[in-house]
């Protein structure tokens, strides 16, 4: 695949988090994340609030679709509050989560604790600079089943998921 102009390649792996192995207490640093997956294409509007400082970051991203599981081009631009507000009125599907950050053996894992319809879902993910590094990642003890290749566990898909679909997928009916 030819990398779209201005894009970078995102390489990540995602895992379900096993409840019994989830770190207690949760890592101290976190951000609340509110995503809006716009109905007009593959665009994601994001608002992130830093738990420590209260600093708010606004972003608009486009993912082009995976070339293989966990590897896809992405373009992101930072927005002002006014630009975010103008786009936030567009039609789309919302997703809310708190992202904790955990350093495991020198690798940072983002641990997403979902809210709303997805309450009870906890995923962890990490990124790598190369495909070789991506494959070599050793997940932390609290990581369960790898879901990198399962399209259900992508943000765009999760934003459309109903509670009963999530529970069925997790085998908790």
N, C-alpha and C. Protein backbone atom coordinates (compact mmCIF):
# COMPACT_ATOMS: atom_id res chain seq x y z
N UNK A 1 0.85 -1.18 0.00
CA UNK A 1 0.00 0.00 0.00
C UNK A 1 0.89 1.24 0.00
N UNK A 2 0.55 2.20 -0.81
CA UNK A 2 1.25 3.47 -0.83
C UNK A 2 0.72 4.32 0.32
N UNK A 3 1.63 4.86 1.09
CA UNK A 3 1.24 5.68 2.22
C UNK A 3 0.60 6.97 1.71
N UNK A 4 -0.64 7.27 2.15
CA UNK A 4 -1.28 8.52 1.71
C UNK A 4 -0.44 9.73 2.13
N UNK A 5 -0.49 10.77 1.34
CA UNK A 5 0.26 11.98 1.63
C UNK A 5 -0.07 12.50 3.03
N UNK A 6 0.93 12.89 3.75
CA UNK A 6 0.85 13.44 5.10
C UNK A 6 0.53 12.40 6.17
N UNK A 7 0.36 11.15 5.81
CA UNK A 7 0.02 10.11 6.78
C UNK A 7 1.28 9.51 7.40
N UNK A 8 1.07 8.92 8.57
CA UNK A 8 2.11 8.09 9.19
C UNK A 8 1.50 6.71 9.36
N UNK A 9 2.35 5.72 9.45
CA UNK A 9 1.86 4.36 9.64
C UNK A 9 1.70 4.10 11.14
N UNK A 10 0.51 3.70 11.53
CA UNK A 10 0.24 3.35 12.92
C UNK A 10 0.33 1.83 13.03
N UNK A 11 1.14 1.38 13.96
CA UNK A 11 1.31 -0.06 14.21
C UNK A 11 0.96 -0.32 15.67
N UNK A 12 -0.11 -1.08 15.90
CA UNK A 12 -0.54 -1.32 17.27
C UNK A 12 -1.09 -2.72 17.45
N UNK A 13 -1.03 -3.17 18.69
CA UNK A 13 -1.66 -4.43 19.08
C UNK A 13 -2.62 -4.14 20.22
N UNK A 14 -3.77 -4.85 20.20
CA UNK A 14 -4.82 -4.66 21.21
C UNK A 14 -5.15 -6.01 21.87
N UNK A 15 -5.42 -5.95 23.17
CA UNK A 15 -5.75 -7.14 23.96
C UNK A 15 -6.93 -6.84 24.88
N UNK A 16 -7.78 -7.83 25.09
CA UNK A 16 -8.76 -7.72 26.16
C UNK A 16 -8.00 -7.76 27.47
N UNK A 17 -8.48 -7.06 28.48
CA UNK A 17 -7.85 -7.08 29.79
C UNK A 17 -8.63 -8.03 30.67
N UNK A 18 -7.90 -8.93 31.31
CA UNK A 18 -8.52 -9.88 32.23
C UNK A 18 -8.81 -9.16 33.54
N UNK A 19 -10.07 -9.18 33.95
CA UNK A 19 -10.50 -8.47 35.16
C UNK A 19 -9.64 -8.81 36.37
N UNK A 20 -9.36 -10.10 36.55
CA UNK A 20 -8.63 -10.53 37.74
C UNK A 20 -7.17 -10.10 37.73
N UNK A 21 -6.66 -9.68 36.60
CA UNK A 21 -5.25 -9.28 36.50
C UNK A 21 -5.08 -7.77 36.33
N UNK A 22 -6.16 -7.04 36.26
CA UNK A 22 -6.10 -5.59 36.07
C UNK A 22 -5.36 -4.97 37.25
N UNK A 23 -4.39 -4.12 36.96
CA UNK A 23 -3.56 -3.56 38.05
C UNK A 23 -4.39 -2.77 39.06
N UNK A 24 -4.15 -3.06 40.31
CA UNK A 24 -4.79 -2.32 41.40
C UNK A 24 -3.73 -1.70 42.25
N UNK A 25 -3.76 -0.46 42.56
CA UNK A 25 -4.70 0.48 41.98
C UNK A 25 -4.33 0.77 40.53
N UNK A 26 -5.27 1.35 39.80
CA UNK A 26 -5.00 1.70 38.40
C UNK A 26 -3.82 2.65 38.34
N UNK A 27 -3.05 2.59 37.25
CA UNK A 27 -1.94 3.54 37.11
C UNK A 27 -2.43 4.97 37.31
N UNK A 28 -1.61 5.81 37.96
CA UNK A 28 -2.08 7.13 38.39
C UNK A 28 -2.38 8.12 37.26
N UNK A 29 -1.72 8.00 36.14
CA UNK A 29 -1.92 8.99 35.08
C UNK A 29 -3.00 8.51 34.13
N UNK A 30 -3.96 9.38 33.81
CA UNK A 30 -5.01 9.00 32.88
C UNK A 30 -5.54 10.21 32.12
N UNK A 31 -6.30 9.91 31.08
CA UNK A 31 -7.00 10.92 30.29
C UNK A 31 -8.41 10.40 30.04
N UNK A 32 -9.38 11.31 30.07
CA UNK A 32 -10.70 10.94 29.59
C UNK A 32 -10.73 11.27 28.11
N UNK A 33 -11.32 10.37 27.34
CA UNK A 33 -11.36 10.52 25.89
C UNK A 33 -12.81 10.41 25.44
N UNK A 34 -13.23 11.41 24.66
CA UNK A 34 -14.55 11.39 24.04
C UNK A 34 -14.33 11.43 22.53
N UNK A 35 -14.77 10.39 21.85
CA UNK A 35 -14.62 10.30 20.40
C UNK A 35 -15.97 10.45 19.72
N UNK A 36 -15.95 11.07 18.56
CA UNK A 36 -17.11 11.14 17.69
C UNK A 36 -16.67 10.61 16.34
N UNK A 37 -17.18 9.44 15.96
CA UNK A 37 -16.89 8.85 14.66
C UNK A 37 -17.93 9.38 13.69
N UNK A 38 -17.49 10.27 12.81
CA UNK A 38 -18.41 10.96 11.91
C UNK A 38 -19.03 10.00 10.90
N UNK A 39 -20.31 10.19 10.61
CA UNK A 39 -21.03 9.34 9.67
C UNK A 39 -20.58 9.54 8.22
N UNK A 40 -19.86 10.62 7.96
CA UNK A 40 -19.51 10.97 6.57
C UNK A 40 -18.28 10.26 6.03
N UNK A 41 -17.71 9.32 6.77
CA UNK A 41 -16.52 8.63 6.26
C UNK A 41 -15.73 7.99 7.38
N UNK A 42 -14.42 8.09 7.30
CA UNK A 42 -13.53 7.44 8.26
C UNK A 42 -12.88 8.47 9.20
N UNK A 43 -13.60 9.53 9.52
CA UNK A 43 -13.06 10.59 10.36
C UNK A 43 -13.46 10.41 11.82
N UNK A 44 -12.50 10.71 12.70
CA UNK A 44 -12.75 10.64 14.14
C UNK A 44 -12.39 11.98 14.76
N UNK A 45 -13.33 12.56 15.47
CA UNK A 45 -13.12 13.79 16.22
C UNK A 45 -12.87 13.38 17.67
N UNK A 46 -11.81 13.91 18.28
CA UNK A 46 -11.45 13.46 19.63
C UNK A 46 -11.23 14.66 20.55
N UNK A 47 -11.75 14.51 21.79
CA UNK A 47 -11.51 15.46 22.88
C UNK A 47 -10.88 14.67 24.01
N UNK A 48 -9.68 15.10 24.45
CA UNK A 48 -8.97 14.42 25.53
C UNK A 48 -8.73 15.40 26.66
N UNK A 49 -9.02 14.95 27.89
CA UNK A 49 -8.80 15.78 29.06
C UNK A 49 -7.80 15.07 29.97
N UNK A 50 -6.68 15.73 30.24
CA UNK A 50 -5.63 15.20 31.10
C UNK A 50 -6.12 15.24 32.55
N UNK A 51 -6.08 14.10 33.24
CA UNK A 51 -6.58 14.03 34.61
C UNK A 51 -5.75 14.85 35.58
N UNK A 52 -4.45 14.98 35.33
CA UNK A 52 -3.58 15.72 36.26
C UNK A 52 -3.70 17.23 36.09
N UNK A 53 -3.63 17.70 34.86
CA UNK A 53 -3.57 19.14 34.62
C UNK A 53 -4.89 19.76 34.20
N UNK A 54 -5.83 18.94 33.73
CA UNK A 54 -7.09 19.46 33.20
C UNK A 54 -6.95 19.99 31.78
N UNK A 55 -5.75 19.89 31.22
CA UNK A 55 -5.50 20.36 29.85
C UNK A 55 -6.37 19.59 28.87
N UNK A 56 -6.98 20.30 27.92
CA UNK A 56 -7.85 19.68 26.93
C UNK A 56 -7.16 19.73 25.57
N UNK A 57 -7.18 18.61 24.87
CA UNK A 57 -6.60 18.51 23.53
C UNK A 57 -7.71 18.08 22.58
N UNK A 58 -7.75 18.73 21.42
CA UNK A 58 -8.74 18.41 20.39
C UNK A 58 -8.01 17.93 19.14
N UNK A 59 -8.52 16.85 18.54
CA UNK A 59 -7.89 16.29 17.35
C UNK A 59 -8.94 15.85 16.34
N UNK A 60 -8.54 15.86 15.08
CA UNK A 60 -9.32 15.25 14.01
C UNK A 60 -8.40 14.26 13.31
N UNK A 61 -8.84 13.00 13.22
CA UNK A 61 -8.01 11.95 12.61
C UNK A 61 -8.77 11.22 11.53
N UNK A 62 -8.00 10.69 10.60
CA UNK A 62 -8.56 9.80 9.58
C UNK A 62 -7.67 8.58 9.49
N UNK A 63 -8.30 7.42 9.65
CA UNK A 63 -7.61 6.16 9.43
C UNK A 63 -8.06 5.64 8.08
N UNK A 64 -7.12 5.15 7.30
CA UNK A 64 -7.42 4.76 5.92
C UNK A 64 -7.85 3.31 5.77
N UNK A 65 -7.81 2.56 6.82
CA UNK A 65 -8.15 1.15 6.75
C UNK A 65 -6.87 0.32 6.82
N UNK A 66 -6.95 -0.81 7.52
CA UNK A 66 -5.73 -1.60 7.75
C UNK A 66 -5.21 -2.27 6.48
N UNK A 67 -3.88 -2.26 6.36
CA UNK A 67 -3.25 -3.03 5.29
C UNK A 67 -2.99 -4.45 5.79
N UNK A 68 -2.88 -4.61 7.08
CA UNK A 68 -2.84 -5.91 7.76
C UNK A 68 -3.26 -5.63 9.20
N UNK A 69 -3.62 -6.66 9.97
CA UNK A 69 -4.12 -6.39 11.33
C UNK A 69 -3.15 -5.53 12.15
N UNK A 70 -3.69 -4.42 12.66
CA UNK A 70 -2.92 -3.54 13.53
C UNK A 70 -2.02 -2.56 12.82
N UNK A 71 -2.03 -2.55 11.50
CA UNK A 71 -1.16 -1.65 10.75
C UNK A 71 -1.99 -0.88 9.74
N UNK A 72 -2.05 0.45 9.93
CA UNK A 72 -2.80 1.27 8.98
C UNK A 72 -2.32 2.71 8.98
N UNK A 73 -2.46 3.37 7.83
CA UNK A 73 -2.09 4.78 7.76
C UNK A 73 -3.10 5.64 8.51
N UNK A 74 -2.58 6.69 9.15
CA UNK A 74 -3.42 7.62 9.90
C UNK A 74 -2.88 9.04 9.70
N UNK A 75 -3.79 9.98 9.60
CA UNK A 75 -3.47 11.40 9.55
C UNK A 75 -4.21 12.06 10.71
N UNK A 76 -3.50 12.90 11.45
CA UNK A 76 -4.11 13.60 12.59
C UNK A 76 -3.72 15.06 12.55
N UNK A 77 -4.68 15.92 12.85
CA UNK A 77 -4.39 17.35 12.99
C UNK A 77 -4.97 17.83 14.31
N UNK A 78 -4.24 18.71 14.95
CA UNK A 78 -4.70 19.31 16.19
C UNK A 78 -5.70 20.41 15.84
N UNK A 79 -6.71 20.59 16.69
CA UNK A 79 -7.75 21.59 16.47
C UNK A 79 -7.80 22.58 17.62
N UNK A 80 -8.33 23.74 17.34
CA UNK A 80 -8.64 24.70 18.41
C UNK A 80 -10.00 24.30 19.00
N UNK A 81 -10.34 24.88 20.13
CA UNK A 81 -11.64 24.61 20.74
C UNK A 81 -12.77 25.03 19.81
N UNK A 82 -12.60 26.12 19.12
CA UNK A 82 -13.63 26.62 18.20
C UNK A 82 -13.79 25.67 17.00
N UNK A 83 -12.69 25.19 16.47
CA UNK A 83 -12.75 24.24 15.34
C UNK A 83 -13.43 22.95 15.78
N UNK A 84 -13.07 22.47 16.98
CA UNK A 84 -13.70 21.27 17.52
C UNK A 84 -15.21 21.46 17.66
N UNK A 85 -15.62 22.58 18.24
CA UNK A 85 -17.04 22.86 18.46
C UNK A 85 -17.80 22.89 17.14
N UNK A 86 -17.20 23.44 16.10
CA UNK A 86 -17.86 23.51 14.79
C UNK A 86 -18.08 22.11 14.21
N UNK A 87 -17.12 21.21 14.43
CA UNK A 87 -17.23 19.85 13.88
C UNK A 87 -18.07 18.93 14.77
N UNK A 88 -18.12 19.22 16.07
CA UNK A 88 -18.81 18.34 17.02
C UNK A 88 -20.32 18.28 16.81
N UNK A 89 -20.88 19.19 16.02
CA UNK A 89 -22.32 19.17 15.75
C UNK A 89 -22.67 18.22 14.60
N UNK A 90 -21.67 17.70 13.92
CA UNK A 90 -21.92 16.80 12.80
C UNK A 90 -22.46 15.46 13.28
N UNK A 91 -23.12 14.77 12.40
CA UNK A 91 -23.72 13.47 12.71
C UNK A 91 -22.64 12.41 12.86
N UNK A 92 -22.78 11.61 13.93
CA UNK A 92 -21.81 10.54 14.15
C UNK A 92 -22.17 9.72 15.37
N UNK A 93 -21.27 8.81 15.71
CA UNK A 93 -21.46 7.90 16.84
C UNK A 93 -20.41 8.20 17.90
N UNK A 94 -20.85 8.29 19.14
CA UNK A 94 -19.96 8.67 20.24
C UNK A 94 -19.43 7.45 20.99
N UNK A 95 -18.24 7.66 21.54
CA UNK A 95 -17.56 6.62 22.32
C UNK A 95 -16.82 7.33 23.45
N UNK A 96 -16.96 6.84 24.69
CA UNK A 96 -16.29 7.47 25.83
C UNK A 96 -15.49 6.43 26.59
N UNK A 97 -14.29 6.85 27.02
CA UNK A 97 -13.43 5.93 27.77
C UNK A 97 -12.44 6.74 28.59
N UNK A 98 -11.87 6.07 29.58
CA UNK A 98 -10.75 6.63 30.33
C UNK A 98 -9.54 5.80 29.97
N UNK A 99 -8.47 6.48 29.57
CA UNK A 99 -7.23 5.78 29.20
C UNK A 99 -6.20 5.98 30.30
N UNK A 100 -5.79 4.85 30.90
CA UNK A 100 -4.71 4.83 31.87
C UNK A 100 -3.45 4.43 31.11
N UNK A 101 -2.30 4.80 31.65
CA UNK A 101 -1.03 4.45 31.02
C UNK A 101 -0.20 3.62 31.97
N UNK A 102 0.29 2.50 31.50
CA UNK A 102 1.06 1.57 32.32
C UNK A 102 2.38 1.28 31.63
N UNK A 103 3.47 1.41 32.36
CA UNK A 103 4.80 1.08 31.84
C UNK A 103 5.12 -0.35 32.28
N UNK A 104 5.17 -1.25 31.31
CA UNK A 104 5.49 -2.64 31.58
C UNK A 104 6.78 -2.97 30.85
N UNK A 105 7.83 -3.18 31.61
CA UNK A 105 9.15 -3.53 31.05
C UNK A 105 9.60 -2.52 30.01
N UNK A 106 9.37 -1.24 30.28
CA UNK A 106 9.83 -0.19 29.38
C UNK A 106 8.93 0.08 28.19
N UNK A 107 7.80 -0.60 28.10
CA UNK A 107 6.84 -0.37 27.01
C UNK A 107 5.57 0.20 27.62
N UNK A 108 5.07 1.29 27.01
CA UNK A 108 3.85 1.93 27.50
C UNK A 108 2.63 1.26 26.89
N UNK A 109 1.72 0.84 27.75
CA UNK A 109 0.43 0.29 27.33
C UNK A 109 -0.66 1.27 27.73
N UNK A 110 -1.54 1.60 26.79
CA UNK A 110 -2.73 2.38 27.09
C UNK A 110 -3.83 1.40 27.48
N UNK A 111 -4.44 1.63 28.61
CA UNK A 111 -5.50 0.74 29.11
C UNK A 111 -6.80 1.52 29.07
N UNK A 112 -7.68 1.13 28.16
CA UNK A 112 -8.93 1.85 27.93
C UNK A 112 -10.08 1.20 28.70
N UNK A 113 -10.67 1.97 29.60
CA UNK A 113 -11.83 1.54 30.39
C UNK A 113 -13.03 2.27 29.80
N UNK A 114 -13.91 1.52 29.15
CA UNK A 114 -15.01 2.11 28.39
C UNK A 114 -16.20 2.43 29.28
N UNK A 115 -17.00 3.41 28.84
CA UNK A 115 -18.18 3.85 29.57
C UNK A 115 -19.42 3.65 28.70
N UNK A 116 -20.58 3.95 29.26
CA UNK A 116 -21.84 3.87 28.51
C UNK A 116 -22.20 2.45 28.14
N UNK A 117 -22.65 2.26 26.91
CA UNK A 117 -23.05 0.93 26.40
C UNK A 117 -21.93 -0.10 26.52
N UNK A 118 -20.70 0.37 26.54
CA UNK A 118 -19.54 -0.53 26.56
C UNK A 118 -18.95 -0.71 27.95
N UNK A 119 -19.66 -0.24 28.99
CA UNK A 119 -19.16 -0.38 30.34
C UNK A 119 -18.84 -1.84 30.63
N UNK A 120 -17.69 -2.08 31.23
CA UNK A 120 -17.23 -3.44 31.50
C UNK A 120 -16.16 -3.89 30.52
N UNK A 121 -16.06 -3.21 29.38
CA UNK A 121 -15.01 -3.53 28.41
C UNK A 121 -13.74 -2.78 28.80
N UNK A 122 -12.65 -3.52 28.90
CA UNK A 122 -11.34 -2.94 29.16
C UNK A 122 -10.37 -3.55 28.15
N UNK A 123 -9.74 -2.68 27.38
CA UNK A 123 -8.75 -3.10 26.38
C UNK A 123 -7.42 -2.46 26.72
N UNK A 124 -6.33 -3.13 26.36
CA UNK A 124 -5.03 -2.47 26.43
C UNK A 124 -4.41 -2.52 25.04
N UNK A 125 -3.61 -1.51 24.75
CA UNK A 125 -2.97 -1.45 23.44
C UNK A 125 -1.61 -0.80 23.58
N UNK A 126 -0.77 -1.09 22.63
CA UNK A 126 0.55 -0.47 22.56
C UNK A 126 0.94 -0.32 21.11
N UNK A 127 1.82 0.63 20.84
CA UNK A 127 2.27 0.90 19.48
C UNK A 127 3.74 0.55 19.34
N UNK A 128 4.16 0.35 18.09
CA UNK A 128 5.55 0.04 17.79
C UNK A 128 5.98 0.83 16.55
N UNK A 129 7.29 1.01 16.42
CA UNK A 129 7.84 1.76 15.28
C UNK A 129 8.02 0.92 14.03
N UNK A 130 8.04 -0.41 14.18
CA UNK A 130 8.23 -1.28 13.01
C UNK A 130 7.39 -2.53 13.16
N UNK A 131 7.20 -3.23 12.06
CA UNK A 131 6.45 -4.48 12.09
C UNK A 131 7.17 -5.55 12.91
N UNK A 132 8.48 -5.58 12.81
CA UNK A 132 9.27 -6.54 13.58
C UNK A 132 9.10 -6.29 15.07
N UNK A 133 9.20 -5.02 15.47
CA UNK A 133 9.01 -4.66 16.88
C UNK A 133 7.59 -4.98 17.33
N UNK A 134 6.61 -4.74 16.46
CA UNK A 134 5.21 -5.02 16.78
C UNK A 134 5.00 -6.49 17.10
N UNK A 135 5.54 -7.36 16.27
CA UNK A 135 5.38 -8.81 16.48
C UNK A 135 6.10 -9.29 17.74
N UNK A 136 7.17 -8.61 18.14
CA UNK A 136 7.98 -9.04 19.28
C UNK A 136 7.41 -8.61 20.63
N UNK A 137 6.36 -7.82 20.63
CA UNK A 137 5.80 -7.31 21.89
C UNK A 137 5.33 -8.46 22.77
N UNK A 138 5.76 -8.39 24.03
CA UNK A 138 5.29 -9.34 25.04
C UNK A 138 4.25 -8.60 25.86
N UNK A 139 3.00 -9.06 25.81
CA UNK A 139 1.94 -8.35 26.54
C UNK A 139 2.11 -8.49 28.05
N UNK A 140 1.56 -7.54 28.81
CA UNK A 140 1.63 -7.61 30.28
C UNK A 140 0.76 -8.75 30.81
N UNK A 141 0.95 -9.09 32.07
CA UNK A 141 0.21 -10.19 32.70
C UNK A 141 -1.30 -10.00 32.65
N UNK A 142 -1.76 -8.75 32.71
CA UNK A 142 -3.19 -8.51 32.73
C UNK A 142 -3.84 -8.60 31.35
N UNK A 143 -3.03 -8.75 30.29
CA UNK A 143 -3.57 -8.87 28.93
C UNK A 143 -4.10 -10.29 28.72
N UNK A 144 -5.28 -10.36 28.16
CA UNK A 144 -5.89 -11.64 27.83
C UNK A 144 -5.82 -11.88 26.34
N UNK A 145 -6.93 -12.24 25.76
CA UNK A 145 -7.02 -12.56 24.34
C UNK A 145 -6.62 -11.37 23.48
N UNK A 146 -5.79 -11.62 22.48
CA UNK A 146 -5.43 -10.56 21.54
C UNK A 146 -6.58 -10.36 20.56
N UNK A 147 -6.98 -9.11 20.36
CA UNK A 147 -8.10 -8.79 19.47
C UNK A 147 -7.68 -7.84 18.34
N UNK A 148 -6.39 -7.74 18.10
CA UNK A 148 -5.88 -6.85 17.06
C UNK A 148 -6.54 -7.12 15.71
N UNK A 149 -6.71 -8.38 15.36
CA UNK A 149 -7.24 -8.75 14.05
C UNK A 149 -8.77 -8.80 14.01
N UNK A 150 -9.43 -8.54 15.13
CA UNK A 150 -10.89 -8.60 15.19
C UNK A 150 -11.47 -7.21 14.96
N UNK A 151 -12.09 -6.97 13.81
CA UNK A 151 -12.61 -5.62 13.51
C UNK A 151 -13.66 -5.13 14.50
N UNK A 152 -14.29 -6.02 15.25
CA UNK A 152 -15.28 -5.60 16.25
C UNK A 152 -14.65 -4.66 17.27
N UNK A 153 -13.38 -4.87 17.60
CA UNK A 153 -12.72 -4.12 18.66
C UNK A 153 -11.98 -2.88 18.17
N UNK A 154 -12.31 -2.39 16.98
CA UNK A 154 -11.78 -1.10 16.53
C UNK A 154 -12.73 -0.01 17.03
N UNK A 155 -12.20 1.21 17.17
CA UNK A 155 -13.02 2.30 17.70
C UNK A 155 -14.28 2.54 16.89
N UNK A 156 -14.15 2.57 15.56
CA UNK A 156 -15.32 2.82 14.73
C UNK A 156 -16.40 1.78 14.91
N UNK A 157 -16.00 0.53 15.02
CA UNK A 157 -16.96 -0.56 15.22
C UNK A 157 -17.56 -0.50 16.62
N UNK A 158 -16.72 -0.27 17.62
CA UNK A 158 -17.23 -0.18 19.00
C UNK A 158 -18.21 0.97 19.17
N UNK A 159 -18.03 2.04 18.42
CA UNK A 159 -18.94 3.18 18.53
C UNK A 159 -20.35 2.82 18.05
N UNK A 160 -20.47 1.78 17.25
CA UNK A 160 -21.77 1.32 16.74
C UNK A 160 -22.33 0.15 17.55
N UNK A 161 -21.52 -0.45 18.41
CA UNK A 161 -21.90 -1.68 19.11
C UNK A 161 -22.99 -1.43 20.15
N UNK A 162 -23.93 -2.36 20.21
CA UNK A 162 -24.94 -2.34 21.25
C UNK A 162 -24.46 -3.20 22.42
N UNK A 163 -25.02 -2.96 23.57
CA UNK A 163 -24.63 -3.70 24.79
C UNK A 163 -24.75 -5.20 24.60
N UNK A 164 -25.85 -5.68 24.02
CA UNK A 164 -26.04 -7.11 23.84
C UNK A 164 -25.00 -7.71 22.89
N UNK A 165 -24.57 -6.93 21.89
CA UNK A 165 -23.53 -7.40 20.97
C UNK A 165 -22.19 -7.55 21.70
N UNK A 166 -21.89 -6.56 22.54
CA UNK A 166 -20.64 -6.63 23.31
C UNK A 166 -20.65 -7.84 24.22
N UNK A 167 -21.73 -8.01 24.97
CA UNK A 167 -21.79 -9.14 25.91
C UNK A 167 -21.69 -10.48 25.19
N UNK A 168 -22.34 -10.59 24.03
CA UNK A 168 -22.24 -11.82 23.25
C UNK A 168 -20.81 -12.05 22.77
N UNK A 169 -20.15 -11.00 22.35
CA UNK A 169 -18.77 -11.11 21.87
C UNK A 169 -17.84 -11.52 22.99
N UNK A 170 -18.10 -11.04 24.19
CA UNK A 170 -17.27 -11.37 25.33
C UNK A 170 -17.69 -12.67 26.01
N UNK A 171 -18.79 -13.26 25.54
CA UNK A 171 -19.27 -14.51 26.13
C UNK A 171 -19.89 -14.32 27.51
N UNK A 172 -20.50 -13.16 27.75
CA UNK A 172 -21.11 -12.85 29.06
C UNK A 172 -22.60 -12.61 28.93
N UNK A 173 -23.30 -13.40 28.20
CA UNK A 173 -24.73 -13.16 27.98
C UNK A 173 -25.57 -13.38 29.19
